[in-house]
Amino acid sequence: MILIADSGSTKCDWVLYGNDKLNPIKIRTKGLNPVILSKKELKAIIYKNEDLFIYKDRVKYIHFFGAGCGTKKNQQKINKILTSFFKNASAFTHEDIMAAVYATTSSPAVVSILGTGSNCCFFDGKKTHLKSPALGYVLMDEGSGNYFGKELLKAYYYNKMPESLSEVFECDYNLKEKEVVKQLYKSSTPNKYLAKFARFMFEHKDHPYIHKILMDGIELFIENNIMQYKEELKKVPLHFVGSIAYFAQDYIQEVLSEKGFQATHFVRRPIDNIITNIVSETV
């Protein structure tokens, strides 16, 4: 069997292929990000999943695409955990940007991720090229779920959020200071916690205040990331993957249009599109 995994910080989608490629087995677990989770926490997510356990001795090849897997050290960390569980398998771990590439193109393009986190690269048809490092939710990640979560929380606690929105925000989430501090500074996945607030933004995207937060975040991502590839974009298309990109695509196109560009594809879940490429390469 071939196992393909696409993992962000929030969730991981797994797809298992046996002899019948028309009926893959789909499994979802929590995200496995080696930057923010310990080896013990990563192993627990895999080892405690009953669906993965059923097939653990039948898997022969694993292709794992993950947030936080941009270094050899973290790739090796994930590979060791995977092969300790799937004992008959060979594991290959790639950074999450490669899943975005597989999900959108096999030809040269600029590919962006807007999900829990954010990233952008140029794909030359064989390799990815990043003009700036992905330094995560503390320093970067403009336009991502955790970015918008921070913006909403700051607006609420600085008393800048309009009262009509603030009241709804209070009803939808536990905003007690102790709980927020606990999730931000004592949780192993603060970026995942922050990203949960992005749902509120899309539920109220027509409100002028939320609309401005949304547009400002997209503007920052495009200016700081995509515009680094403006020369490449004169020759190649631009693609997006991730839930934030998918739900904000109209706003993204609006900002891009002002800069003379346009996105070609928006893919919500990369796993749905990378399957054919990986399976054809492996079998």
Foldseek 3Di string as FASTA:
>chain_A
DEWEWQFEQAKIWIWDDDPPNVDIDIDMWGGDAPVLDPLVRNLCRQVVDPVCLVCLQPHAEYEYEYANPDDPVVQVSVQVSSCVRSVNYGYGYHYNVVLQDLLPHQAWEWEWEAALFIAIWTDHNDDTHFPDDCPDDPPDRQLHLLNLLVVVLCCQVVVNDDPVLNVVVVVVDPPDPVVLCCLCPVDSRNSNVSSVCVVSLLVPCVPPVSVVSNLVSLLVCCVVGVVVCVVVVVPHAYEYEAQSCVSCVVSNQVSQVVVPHGHDYYYHDSVVRNVVVVVVVPD
